[in-house]
Amino acid sequence: MARARCPRPRILSCKLEPTRMAAGPPLDHPCYAATFIRQLIGEHAREQFVALYVSSAHCPIAYDTFTMGGINAVVSDPGAVLRGAVMSGAPFIITAHNHPSGDARPSRPDQQTWVLITESARSLGLEVLDHMVLGADHYFSASEGGLREYDCAQLPAEFRRSA
């Protein structure tokens, strides 16, 4: 009986690396991160899941938009989130997704995904700084433990470009 042979590996021509960003101000407060990510996501009618890769100085260095979901759900792949962090050399990650309904309260599946991503990141020596849900007037920050308004006191000018 002839032994099966493995097919020749194919070269992938797709983009596997996260989108690099120009140096920006540190995201040293959840409100800054929420405002910054809200500009990346925009006002979409479907959910989007974004991972922001952050330097040790808490400056954004790259990001990935992983999925566009339906009007009330988005699926994220923890492996892809972590791969982007490793490829960009970022020690920290902030994940966020929008709720087109405007309600920024996290769902049970949101919270389950956060636990999975956080535990997986920890096993690689990475740290998740925050998991966020962005709504119309409020955002939810897991690091702050609740809903907050987009009213950052003394918001740096870099975050006000769409205002």
C-alpha atoms as a PDB file:
ATOM      1  CA  MET A   1       0.000   0.000   0.000  1.00  0.00           C
ATOM      2  CA  ALA A   2       1.374   3.394  -1.006  1.00  0.00           C
ATOM      3  CA  ARG A   3       2.032   5.818   1.763  1.00  0.00           C
ATOM      4  CA  ALA A   4      -0.012   9.059   1.630  1.00  0.00           C
ATOM      5  CA  ARG A   5       1.968  12.203   0.967  1.00  0.00           C
ATOM      6  CA  CYS A   6       1.348  15.571   2.483  1.00  0.00           C
ATOM      7  CA  PRO A   7       0.486  18.317   0.014  1.00  0.00           C
ATOM      8  CA  ARG A   8       3.070  21.003  -0.627  1.00  0.00           C
ATOM      9  CA  PRO A   9       2.557  23.978   1.726  1.00  0.00           C
ATOM     10  CA  ARG A  10       0.941  26.970   0.065  1.00  0.00           C
ATOM     11  CA  ILE A  11       2.136  30.528   0.428  1.00  0.00           C
ATOM     12  CA  LEU A  12      -0.612  32.719   1.761  1.00  0.00           C
ATOM     13  CA  SER A  13      -0.927  36.105   0.126  1.00  0.00           C
ATOM     14  CA  CYS A  14      -3.288  37.607   2.652  1.00  0.00           C
ATOM     15  CA  LYS A  15      -2.475  40.234   5.257  1.00  0.00           C
ATOM     16  CA  LEU A  16      -1.868  38.557   8.597  1.00  0.00           C
ATOM     17  CA  GLU A  17      -0.345  41.463  10.483  1.00  0.00           C
ATOM     18  CA  PRO A  18      -2.367  44.037  12.409  1.00  0.00           C
ATOM     19  CA  THR A  19      -2.654  47.589  11.112  1.00  0.00           C
ATOM     20  CA  ARG A  20       0.213  49.675  12.476  1.00  0.00           C
ATOM     21  CA  MET A  21      -0.512  53.123  13.819  1.00  0.00           C
ATOM     22  CA  ALA A  22       1.410  56.367  14.090  1.00  0.00           C
ATOM     23  CA  ALA A  23       2.543  57.234  17.584  1.00  0.00           C
ATOM     24  CA  GLY A  24      -0.269  58.663  19.629  1.00  0.00           C
ATOM     25  CA  PRO A  25      -0.904  59.828  23.172  1.00  0.00           C
ATOM     26  CA  PRO A  26      -0.995  57.271  25.982  1.00  0.00           C
ATOM     27  CA  LEU A  27      -4.345  55.652  26.694  1.00  0.00           C
ATOM     28  CA  ASP A  28      -3.873  55.985  30.424  1.00  0.00           C
ATOM     29  CA  HIS A  29      -7.564  56.229  31.249  1.00  0.00           C
ATOM     30  CA  PRO A  30     -10.462  54.048  30.051  1.00  0.00           C
ATOM     31  CA  CYS A  31     -12.315  57.108  28.738  1.00  0.00           C
ATOM     32  CA  TYR A  32      -9.389  57.913  26.435  1.00  0.00           C
ATOM     33  CA  ALA A  33      -9.338  54.330  25.168  1.00  0.00           C
ATOM     34  CA  ALA A  34     -13.112  54.300  24.616  1.00  0.00           C
ATOM     35  CA  THR A  35     -12.999  57.591  22.717  1.00  0.00           C
ATOM     36  CA  PHE A  36     -10.047  56.440  20.614  1.00  0.00           C
ATOM     37  CA  ILE A  37     -11.621  53.079  19.742  1.00  0.00           C
ATOM     38  CA  ARG A  38     -14.977  54.702  19.036  1.00  0.00           C
ATOM     39  CA  GLN A  39     -13.249  56.690  16.274  1.00  0.00           C
ATOM     40  CA  LEU A  40     -11.875  53.432  14.816  1.00  0.00           C
ATOM     41  CA  ILE A  41     -15.249  51.681  14.848  1.00  0.00           C
ATOM     42  CA  GLY A  42     -17.417  54.620  13.840  1.00  0.00           C
ATOM     43  CA  GLU A  43     -21.201  54.506  13.760  1.00  0.00           C
ATOM     44  CA  HIS A  44     -21.898  51.086  12.277  1.00  0.00           C
ATOM     45  CA  ALA A  45     -25.277  49.380  12.219  1.00  0.00           C
ATOM     46  CA  ARG A  46     -23.602  46.027  12.911  1.00  0.00           C
ATOM     47  CA  GLU A  47     -21.355  44.981  15.761  1.00  0.00           C
ATOM     48  CA  GLN A  48     -17.594  45.170  15.235  1.00  0.00           C
ATOM     49  CA  PHE A  49     -14.933  43.624  17.449  1.00  0.00           C
ATOM     50  CA  VAL A  50     -11.617  45.486  17.679  1.00  0.00           C
ATOM     51  CA  ALA A  51      -8.387  44.630  19.472  1.00  0.00           C
ATOM     52  CA  LEU A  52      -6.081  47.530  20.185  1.00  0.00           C
ATOM     53  CA  TYR A  53      -2.441  46.592  20.799  1.00  0.00           C
ATOM     54  CA  VAL A  54      -0.748  48.852  23.311  1.00  0.00           C
ATOM     55  CA  SER A  55       2.898  49.479  24.213  1.00  0.00           C
ATOM     56  CA  SER A  56       4.332  49.313  27.714  1.00  0.00           C
ATOM     57  CA  ALA A  57       3.825  53.108  27.861  1.00  0.00           C
ATOM     58  CA  HIS A  58       0.108  52.501  27.065  1.00  0.00           C
ATOM     59  CA  CYS A  59       0.427  54.063  23.612  1.00  0.00           C
ATOM     60  CA  PRO A  60      -1.559  52.438  20.790  1.00  0.00           C
ATOM     61  CA  ILE A  61       0.759  50.797  18.249  1.00  0.00           C
ATOM     62  CA  ALA A  62      -1.566  48.624  16.157  1.00  0.00           C
ATOM     63  CA  TYR A  63      -5.136  47.397  15.909  1.00  0.00           C
ATOM     64  CA  ASP A  64      -7.226  44.721  14.236  1.00  0.00           C
ATOM     65  CA  THR A  65     -10.893  44.687  13.352  1.00  0.00           C
ATOM     66  CA  PHE A  66     -11.729  41.004  13.482  1.00  0.00           C
ATOM     67  CA  THR A  67     -15.383  40.562  12.789  1.00  0.00           C
ATOM     68  CA  MET A  68     -18.447  42.406  11.776  1.00  0.00           C
ATOM     69  CA  GLY A  69     -21.378  40.729  13.361  1.00  0.00           C
ATOM     70  CA  GLY A  70     -25.079  41.073  12.991  1.00  0.00           C
ATOM     71  CA  ILE A  71     -27.231  43.675  14.638  1.00  0.00           C
ATOM     72  CA  ASN A  72     -26.966  42.005  18.050  1.00  0.00           C
ATOM     73  CA  ALA A  73     -23.999  39.598  18.070  1.00  0.00           C
ATOM     74  CA  VAL A  74     -20.351  39.400  17.149  1.00  0.00           C
ATOM     75  CA  VAL A  75     -18.031  36.416  17.300  1.00  0.00           C
ATOM     76  CA  SER A  76     -14.371  36.876  18.153  1.00  0.00           C
ATOM     77  CA  ASP A  77     -11.451  34.452  17.916  1.00  0.00           C
ATOM     78  CA  PRO A  78      -9.133  34.666  20.947  1.00  0.00           C
ATOM     79  CA  GLY A  79      -6.294  33.090  18.951  1.00  0.00           C
ATOM     80  CA  ALA A  80      -6.456  35.846  16.351  1.00  0.00           C
ATOM     81  CA  VAL A  81      -6.497  38.534  19.053  1.00  0.00           C
ATOM     82  CA  LEU A  82      -3.387  37.076  20.680  1.00  0.00           C
ATOM     83  CA  ARG A  83      -1.610  36.521  17.361  1.00  0.00           C
ATOM     84  CA  GLY A  84      -1.968  40.240  16.616  1.00  0.00           C
ATOM     85  CA  ALA A  85      -0.466  41.154  19.980  1.00  0.00           C
ATOM     86  CA  VAL A  86       2.511  38.866  19.429  1.00  0.00           C
ATOM     87  CA  MET A  87       3.048  40.050  15.834  1.00  0.00           C
ATOM     88  CA  SER A  88       2.939  43.718  16.828  1.00  0.00           C
ATOM     89  CA  GLY A  89       5.167  43.184  19.877  1.00  0.00           C
ATOM     90  CA  ALA A  90       2.546  44.645  22.200  1.00  0.00           C
ATOM     91  CA  PRO A  91       2.554  43.558  25.847  1.00  0.00           C
ATOM     92  CA  PHE A  92      -0.956  44.921  26.427  1.00  0.00           C
ATOM     93  CA  ILE A  93      -4.325  44.494  24.727  1.00  0.00           C
ATOM     94  CA  ILE A  94      -7.603  46.396  24.908  1.00  0.00           C
ATOM     95  CA  THR A  95     -10.622  44.745  23.308  1.00  0.00           C
ATOM     96  CA  ALA A  96     -13.808  46.557  22.409  1.00  0.00           C
ATOM     97  CA  HIS A  97     -16.946  46.145  20.404  1.00  0.00           C
ATOM     98  CA  ASN A  98     -19.914  48.339  19.737  1.00  0.00           C
ATOM     99  CA  HIS A  99     -23.581  47.722  20.456  1.00  0.00           C
ATOM    100  CA  PRO A 100     -25.570  49.320  17.620  1.00  0.00           C
ATOM    101  CA  SER A 101     -28.619  49.391  19.908  1.00  0.00           C
ATOM    102  CA  GLY A 102     -26.826  52.111  21.867  1.00  0.00           C
ATOM    103  CA  ASP A 103     -26.955  50.106  25.120  1.00  0.00           C
ATOM    104  CA  ALA A 104     -23.389  49.573  26.348  1.00  0.00           C
ATOM    105  CA  ARG A 105     -24.212  46.931  28.955  1.00  0.00           C
ATOM    106  CA  PRO A 106     -22.251  43.713  28.279  1.00  0.00           C
ATOM    107  CA  SER A 107     -24.118  40.486  27.592  1.00  0.00           C
ATOM    108  CA  ARG A 108     -23.324  37.131  29.182  1.00  0.00           C
ATOM    109  CA  PRO A 109     -21.550  35.974  25.955  1.00  0.00           C
ATOM    110  CA  ASP A 110     -19.492  39.210  26.023  1.00  0.00           C
ATOM    111  CA  GLN A 111     -18.321  38.409  29.541  1.00  0.00           C
ATOM    112  CA  GLN A 112     -17.546  34.778  28.676  1.00  0.00           C
ATOM    113  CA  THR A 113     -15.425  35.899  25.715  1.00  0.00           C
ATOM    114  CA  TRP A 114     -13.568  38.352  27.955  1.00  0.00           C
ATOM    115  CA  VAL A 115     -12.652  35.596  30.428  1.00  0.00           C
ATOM    116  CA  LEU A 116     -11.386  33.369  27.616  1.00  0.00           C
ATOM    117  CA  ILE A 117      -9.263  36.128  26.040  1.00  0.00           C
ATOM    118  CA  THR A 118      -7.870  37.253  29.417  1.00  0.00           C
ATOM    119  CA  GLU A 119      -6.878  33.728  30.489  1.00  0.00           C
ATOM    120  CA  SER A 120      -5.360  32.958  27.092  1.00  0.00           C
ATOM    121  CA  ALA A 121      -3.374  36.217  27.116  1.00  0.00           C
ATOM    122  CA  ARG A 122      -2.083  35.527  30.610  1.00  0.00           C
ATOM    123  CA  SER A 123      -0.771  32.129  29.488  1.00  0.00           C
ATOM    124  CA  LEU A 124       1.393  33.949  26.895  1.00  0.00           C
ATOM    125  CA  GLY A 125       2.637  36.588  29.327  1.00  0.00           C
ATOM    126  CA  LEU A 126       0.376  39.280  27.869  1.00  0.00           C
ATOM    127  CA  GLU A 127      -2.040  41.453  29.815  1.00  0.00           C
ATOM    128  CA  VAL A 128      -5.493  42.647  28.862  1.00  0.00           C
ATOM    129  CA  LEU A 129      -5.874  46.206  30.135  1.00  0.00           C
ATOM    130  CA  ASP A 130      -9.591  46.429  29.455  1.00  0.00           C
ATOM    131  CA  HIS A 131     -12.601  44.951  27.704  1.00  0.00           C
ATOM    132  CA  MET A 132     -15.077  47.567  26.538  1.00  0.00           C
ATOM    133  CA  VAL A 133     -18.545  47.831  25.047  1.00  0.00           C
ATOM    134  CA  LEU A 134     -19.269  51.055  23.212  1.00  0.00           C
ATOM    135  CA  GLY A 135     -22.778  52.441  23.101  1.00  0.00           C
ATOM    136  CA  ALA A 136     -24.288  55.655  21.811  1.00  0.00           C
ATOM    137  CA  ASP A 137     -23.801  57.869  24.869  1.00  0.00           C
ATOM    138  CA  HIS A 138     -22.048  55.543  27.281  1.00  0.00           C
ATOM    139  CA  TYR A 139     -19.346  52.905  27.289  1.00  0.00           C
ATOM    140  CA  PHE A 140     -18.803  49.948  29.591  1.00  0.00           C
ATOM    141  CA  SER A 141     -15.308  49.399  30.917  1.00  0.00           C
ATOM    142  CA  ALA A 142     -14.548  46.099  32.620  1.00  0.00           C
ATOM    143  CA  SER A 143     -11.550  47.715  34.348  1.00  0.00           C
ATOM    144  CA  GLU A 144     -13.802  50.415  35.813  1.00  0.00           C
ATOM    145  CA  GLY A 145     -16.594  47.941  36.451  1.00  0.00           C
ATOM    146  CA  GLY A 146     -19.463  49.930  35.047  1.00  0.00           C
ATOM    147  CA  LEU A 147     -21.075  52.281  32.573  1.00  0.00           C
ATOM    148  CA  ARG A 148     -19.446  55.638  31.981  1.00  0.00           C
ATOM    149  CA  GLU A 149     -20.216  58.650  29.801  1.00  0.00           C
ATOM    150  CA  TYR A 150     -17.866  59.828  27.057  1.00  0.00           C
ATOM    151  CA  ASP A 151     -17.017  62.920  29.095  1.00  0.00           C
ATOM    152  CA  CYS A 152     -13.296  62.597  29.641  1.00  0.00           C
ATOM    153  CA  ALA A 153     -12.072  65.467  31.771  1.00  0.00           C
ATOM    154  CA  GLN A 154      -9.278  67.379  30.014  1.00  0.00           C
ATOM    155  CA  LEU A 155      -9.415  65.168  26.940  1.00  0.00           C
ATOM    156  CA  PRO A 156      -6.154  65.539  24.960  1.00  0.00           C
ATOM    157  CA  ALA A 157      -6.528  67.252  21.578  1.00  0.00           C
ATOM    158  CA  GLU A 158      -5.532  64.044  19.753  1.00  0.00           C
ATOM    159  CA  PHE A 159      -8.784  62.447  20.895  1.00  0.00           C
ATOM    160  CA  ARG A 160     -10.975  65.344  19.749  1.00  0.00           C
ATOM    161  CA  ARG A 161     -10.401  65.073  15.996  1.00  0.00           C
ATOM    162  CA  SER A 162     -13.934  63.828  15.230  1.00  0.00           C
ATOM    163  CA  ALA A 163     -15.681  66.093  17.717  1.00  0.00           C
END
